Amino acid sequence: MKISQATPQDLPQIHAMIGALSAFHGDTATITLAQLETALFQSELSMALVAREGDILVGYAGLNFTITLHTGAPRIDIHHLYVAQDHRAKGVGRALIAAAKTVAQAKGARGLTIGTDPDNAVSQAAYRAMGLEEITDAGPRFWIAASD
């Protein structure tokens, strides 16, 4: 298995994995390949890391970049982390998170954040087993629709 930054040739496989991740969460992915290409390759706000075995992608991590306004420090969120079903529990997620940490270090970020659905006990257990620090004091977050 090899971890690398995604290339435009990876887009169809990443797109399919985004669809699988959305379906897992009971949602439908509506992003087009063109939108995904813009997000990952024409913006400085996001990128993807991929885990591959030969020409086949077995996982990806979507990273979003921003800054912390009160410090000006870079902030990186692992917005998506997906590992193909038959490659889970084989170190793929751990390798993607390690690669994301390397990106964070290169960007000067103090660390990374990653979230998961409150009902996804498997992912939560995996993150704890990897030694990720659980954030319990971040407080509630709220959402407001942009249109009425």
C-alpha atoms as a PDB file:
ATOM      1  CA  MET A   1       0.000   0.000   0.000  1.00  0.00           C
ATOM      2  CA  LYS A   2       1.228   3.479  -0.881  1.00  0.00           C
ATOM      3  CA  ILE A   3      -0.066   6.827   0.416  1.00  0.00           C
ATOM      4  CA  SER A   4       0.224   9.858  -1.850  1.00  0.00           C
ATOM      5  CA  GLN A   5      -1.488  13.086  -2.760  1.00  0.00           C
ATOM      6  CA  ALA A   6      -4.413  12.474  -5.091  1.00  0.00           C
ATOM      7  CA  THR A   7      -4.044  13.185  -8.796  1.00  0.00           C
ATOM      8  CA  PRO A   8      -6.742  14.117 -11.306  1.00  0.00           C
ATOM      9  CA  GLN A   9      -6.638  10.524 -12.573  1.00  0.00           C
ATOM     10  CA  ASP A  10      -7.858   9.413  -9.127  1.00  0.00           C
ATOM     11  CA  LEU A  11     -11.059  11.462  -9.347  1.00  0.00           C
ATOM     12  CA  PRO A  12     -13.428   8.700 -10.537  1.00  0.00           C
ATOM     13  CA  GLN A  13     -12.345   6.364  -7.726  1.00  0.00           C
ATOM     14  CA  ILE A  14     -12.478   9.128  -5.091  1.00  0.00           C
ATOM     15  CA  HIS A  15     -15.914  10.125  -6.392  1.00  0.00           C
ATOM     16  CA  ALA A  16     -17.128   6.541  -6.004  1.00  0.00           C
ATOM     17  CA  MET A  17     -15.768   6.368  -2.436  1.00  0.00           C
ATOM     18  CA  ILE A  18     -17.474   9.655  -1.568  1.00  0.00           C
ATOM     19  CA  GLY A  19     -20.706   8.072  -2.776  1.00  0.00           C
ATOM     20  CA  ALA A  20     -20.087   5.006  -0.605  1.00  0.00           C
ATOM     21  CA  LEU A  21     -19.292   7.141   2.450  1.00  0.00           C
ATOM     22  CA  SER A  22     -22.417   9.226   1.916  1.00  0.00           C
ATOM     23  CA  ALA A  23     -24.551   6.109   1.564  1.00  0.00           C
ATOM     24  CA  PHE A  24     -23.071   4.720   4.787  1.00  0.00           C
ATOM     25  CA  HIS A  25     -24.342   7.845   6.541  1.00  0.00           C
ATOM     26  CA  GLY A  26     -27.775   7.589   4.900  1.00  0.00           C
ATOM     27  CA  ASP A  27     -27.055  10.471   2.538  1.00  0.00           C
ATOM     28  CA  THR A  28     -26.611  10.881  -1.199  1.00  0.00           C
ATOM     29  CA  ALA A  29     -23.470  12.453  -2.636  1.00  0.00           C
ATOM     30  CA  THR A  30     -24.387  15.071  -5.229  1.00  0.00           C
ATOM     31  CA  ILE A  31     -20.941  16.457  -6.022  1.00  0.00           C
ATOM     32  CA  THR A  32     -20.016  16.118  -9.690  1.00  0.00           C
ATOM     33  CA  LEU A  33     -16.605  15.075 -10.961  1.00  0.00           C
ATOM     34  CA  ALA A  34     -16.077  18.638 -12.209  1.00  0.00           C
ATOM     35  CA  GLN A  35     -16.894  20.098  -8.786  1.00  0.00           C
ATOM     36  CA  LEU A  36     -14.618  17.572  -7.104  1.00  0.00           C
ATOM     37  CA  GLU A  37     -11.789  18.420  -9.494  1.00  0.00           C
ATOM     38  CA  THR A  38     -12.196  22.119  -8.695  1.00  0.00           C
ATOM     39  CA  ALA A  39     -12.269  21.447  -4.955  1.00  0.00           C
ATOM     40  CA  LEU A  40      -9.205  19.219  -4.909  1.00  0.00           C
ATOM     41  CA  PHE A  41      -7.003  20.669  -7.639  1.00  0.00           C
ATOM     42  CA  GLN A  42      -8.001  24.282  -8.237  1.00  0.00           C
ATOM     43  CA  SER A  43      -8.344  25.465  -4.662  1.00  0.00           C
ATOM     44  CA  GLU A  44      -5.874  26.004  -1.873  1.00  0.00           C
ATOM     45  CA  LEU A  45      -8.590  25.153   0.649  1.00  0.00           C
ATOM     46  CA  SER A  46      -8.640  21.389   0.235  1.00  0.00           C
ATOM     47  CA  MET A  47      -6.765  18.344  -0.983  1.00  0.00           C
ATOM     48  CA  ALA A  48      -7.024  14.586  -0.857  1.00  0.00           C
ATOM     49  CA  LEU A  49      -4.594  11.895   0.158  1.00  0.00           C
ATOM     50  CA  VAL A  50      -5.119   8.438  -1.260  1.00  0.00           C
ATOM     51  CA  ALA A  51      -4.130   4.928  -0.264  1.00  0.00           C
ATOM     52  CA  ARG A  52      -3.499   2.724  -3.251  1.00  0.00           C
ATOM     53  CA  GLU A  53      -2.646  -0.825  -4.032  1.00  0.00           C
ATOM     54  CA  GLY A  54      -1.354  -0.702  -7.580  1.00  0.00           C
ATOM     55  CA  ASP A  55      -3.881   1.278  -9.611  1.00  0.00           C
ATOM     56  CA  ILE A  56      -6.733   0.681  -7.163  1.00  0.00           C
ATOM     57  CA  LEU A  57      -7.575   3.184  -4.452  1.00  0.00           C
ATOM     58  CA  VAL A  58      -8.418   1.527  -1.146  1.00  0.00           C
ATOM     59  CA  GLY A  59      -9.017   4.697   0.859  1.00  0.00           C
ATOM     60  CA  TYR A  60      -8.822   8.452   0.913  1.00  0.00           C
ATOM     61  CA  ALA A  61      -8.620  11.341   3.331  1.00  0.00           C
ATOM     62  CA  GLY A  62     -10.135  14.679   2.332  1.00  0.00           C
ATOM     63  CA  LEU A  63      -8.396  17.593   4.042  1.00  0.00           C
ATOM     64  CA  ASN A  64      -9.853  21.082   4.478  1.00  0.00           C
ATOM     65  CA  PHE A  65      -7.604  24.030   5.306  1.00  0.00           C
ATOM     66  CA  THR A  66      -8.529  27.179   7.181  1.00  0.00           C
ATOM     67  CA  ILE A  67      -7.023  29.409   9.847  1.00  0.00           C
ATOM     68  CA  THR A  68      -7.860  29.947  13.464  1.00  0.00           C
ATOM     69  CA  LEU A  69      -8.906  33.591  13.483  1.00  0.00           C
ATOM     70  CA  HIS A  70      -7.816  34.388  17.035  1.00  0.00           C
ATOM     71  CA  THR A  71      -4.261  33.117  16.438  1.00  0.00           C
ATOM     72  CA  GLY A  72      -3.824  33.215  12.674  1.00  0.00           C
ATOM     73  CA  ALA A  73      -2.491  29.656  12.855  1.00  0.00           C
ATOM     74  CA  PRO A  74      -3.330  27.167  10.102  1.00  0.00           C
ATOM     75  CA  ARG A  75      -6.020  24.652  10.962  1.00  0.00           C
ATOM     76  CA  ILE A  76      -6.600  21.391   9.136  1.00  0.00           C
ATOM     77  CA  ASP A  77      -9.638  19.168   9.364  1.00  0.00           C
ATOM     78  CA  ILE A  78      -9.772  15.630   8.035  1.00  0.00           C
ATOM     79  CA  HIS A  79     -13.194  16.221   6.550  1.00  0.00           C
ATOM     80  CA  HIS A  80     -13.533  12.696   5.143  1.00  0.00           C
ATOM     81  CA  LEU A  81     -11.728   9.492   5.956  1.00  0.00           C
ATOM     82  CA  TYR A  82     -12.829   6.437   4.038  1.00  0.00           C
ATOM     83  CA  VAL A  83     -11.357   2.954   3.749  1.00  0.00           C
ATOM     84  CA  ALA A  84     -12.820   0.321   1.426  1.00  0.00           C
ATOM     85  CA  GLN A  85     -14.660  -2.381   3.343  1.00  0.00           C
ATOM     86  CA  ASP A  86     -12.228  -5.185   2.487  1.00  0.00           C
ATOM     87  CA  HIS A  87      -9.229  -3.089   3.577  1.00  0.00           C
ATOM     88  CA  ARG A  88     -10.477  -2.004   6.998  1.00  0.00           C
ATOM     89  CA  ALA A  89      -8.524  -2.948  10.116  1.00  0.00           C
ATOM     90  CA  LYS A  90      -5.361  -3.294   8.027  1.00  0.00           C
ATOM     91  CA  GLY A  91      -3.693   0.034   8.839  1.00  0.00           C
ATOM     92  CA  VAL A  92      -5.021   2.041   5.897  1.00  0.00           C
ATOM     93  CA  GLY A  93      -6.807   4.627   8.052  1.00  0.00           C
ATOM     94  CA  ARG A  94      -3.806   4.879  10.357  1.00  0.00           C
ATOM     95  CA  ALA A  95      -1.520   5.474   7.350  1.00  0.00           C
ATOM     96  CA  LEU A  96      -3.829   8.143   5.914  1.00  0.00           C
ATOM     97  CA  ILE A  97      -3.972   9.941   9.269  1.00  0.00           C
ATOM     98  CA  ALA A  98      -0.165   9.770   9.555  1.00  0.00           C
ATOM     99  CA  ALA A  99       0.153  11.285   6.076  1.00  0.00           C
ATOM    100  CA  ALA A 100      -2.341  14.010   7.018  1.00  0.00           C
ATOM    101  CA  LYS A 101      -0.211  14.748  10.083  1.00  0.00           C
ATOM    102  CA  THR A 102       2.809  15.202   7.805  1.00  0.00           C
ATOM    103  CA  VAL A 103       0.794  17.676   5.706  1.00  0.00           C
ATOM    104  CA  ALA A 104      -0.212  19.528   8.885  1.00  0.00           C
ATOM    105  CA  GLN A 105       3.410  19.781   9.985  1.00  0.00           C
ATOM    106  CA  ALA A 106       4.457  21.100   6.566  1.00  0.00           C
ATOM    107  CA  LYS A 107       1.685  23.730   6.665  1.00  0.00           C
ATOM    108  CA  GLY A 108       2.648  24.843  10.181  1.00  0.00           C
ATOM    109  CA  ALA A 109      -0.592  23.671  11.784  1.00  0.00           C
ATOM    110  CA  ARG A 110      -0.598  22.737  15.462  1.00  0.00           C
ATOM    111  CA  GLY A 111      -2.629  19.621  14.713  1.00  0.00           C
ATOM    112  CA  LEU A 112      -5.578  18.100  12.951  1.00  0.00           C
ATOM    113  CA  THR A 113      -9.193  17.514  13.768  1.00  0.00           C
ATOM    114  CA  ILE A 114     -11.345  14.628  12.631  1.00  0.00           C
ATOM    115  CA  GLY A 115     -14.964  13.958  13.418  1.00  0.00           C
ATOM    116  CA  THR A 116     -17.327  11.088  13.016  1.00  0.00           C
ATOM    117  CA  ASP A 117     -21.010  10.473  13.257  1.00  0.00           C
ATOM    118  CA  PRO A 118     -22.072  10.151  16.924  1.00  0.00           C
ATOM    119  CA  ASP A 119     -23.454   6.687  16.151  1.00  0.00           C
ATOM    120  CA  ASN A 120     -20.269   5.436  14.441  1.00  0.00           C
ATOM    121  CA  ALA A 121     -18.824   3.559  17.408  1.00  0.00           C
ATOM    122  CA  VAL A 122     -16.396   1.590  15.199  1.00  0.00           C
ATOM    123  CA  SER A 123     -14.637   4.735  13.949  1.00  0.00           C
ATOM    124  CA  GLN A 124     -14.612   6.266  17.413  1.00  0.00           C
ATOM    125  CA  ALA A 125     -13.003   3.135  18.844  1.00  0.00           C
ATOM    126  CA  ALA A 126     -10.439   3.085  16.028  1.00  0.00           C
ATOM    127  CA  TYR A 127      -9.464   6.723  16.642  1.00  0.00           C
ATOM    128  CA  ARG A 128      -9.120   6.074  20.367  1.00  0.00           C
ATOM    129  CA  ALA A 129      -7.004   2.973  19.657  1.00  0.00           C
ATOM    130  CA  MET A 130      -4.744   5.108  17.443  1.00  0.00           C
ATOM    131  CA  GLY A 131      -4.183   7.437  20.377  1.00  0.00           C
ATOM    132  CA  LEU A 132      -6.104  10.410  18.990  1.00  0.00           C
ATOM    133  CA  GLU A 133      -7.103  12.824  21.718  1.00  0.00           C
ATOM    134  CA  GLU A 134     -10.855  13.065  22.112  1.00  0.00           C
ATOM    135  CA  ILE A 135     -12.183  16.617  22.205  1.00  0.00           C
ATOM    136  CA  THR A 136     -14.914  16.749  24.801  1.00  0.00           C
ATOM    137  CA  ASP A 137     -14.967  20.441  25.665  1.00  0.00           C
ATOM    138  CA  ALA A 138     -15.452  21.951  22.200  1.00  0.00           C
ATOM    139  CA  GLY A 139     -19.093  22.656  22.958  1.00  0.00           C
ATOM    140  CA  PRO A 140     -22.125  22.152  20.809  1.00  0.00           C
ATOM    141  CA  ARG A 141     -22.173  23.197  17.173  1.00  0.00           C
ATOM    142  CA  PHE A 142     -25.217  24.486  15.361  1.00  0.00           C
ATOM    143  CA  TRP A 143     -26.310  24.709  11.735  1.00  0.00           C
ATOM    144  CA  ILE A 144     -28.433  27.233   9.888  1.00  0.00           C
ATOM    145  CA  ALA A 145     -29.719  26.842   6.351  1.00  0.00           C
ATOM    146  CA  ALA A 146     -28.475  29.494   3.930  1.00  0.00           C
ATOM    147  CA  SER A 147     -31.853  29.658   2.191  1.00  0.00           C
ATOM    148  CA  ASP A 148     -35.367  29.815   3.568  1.00  0.00           C
END
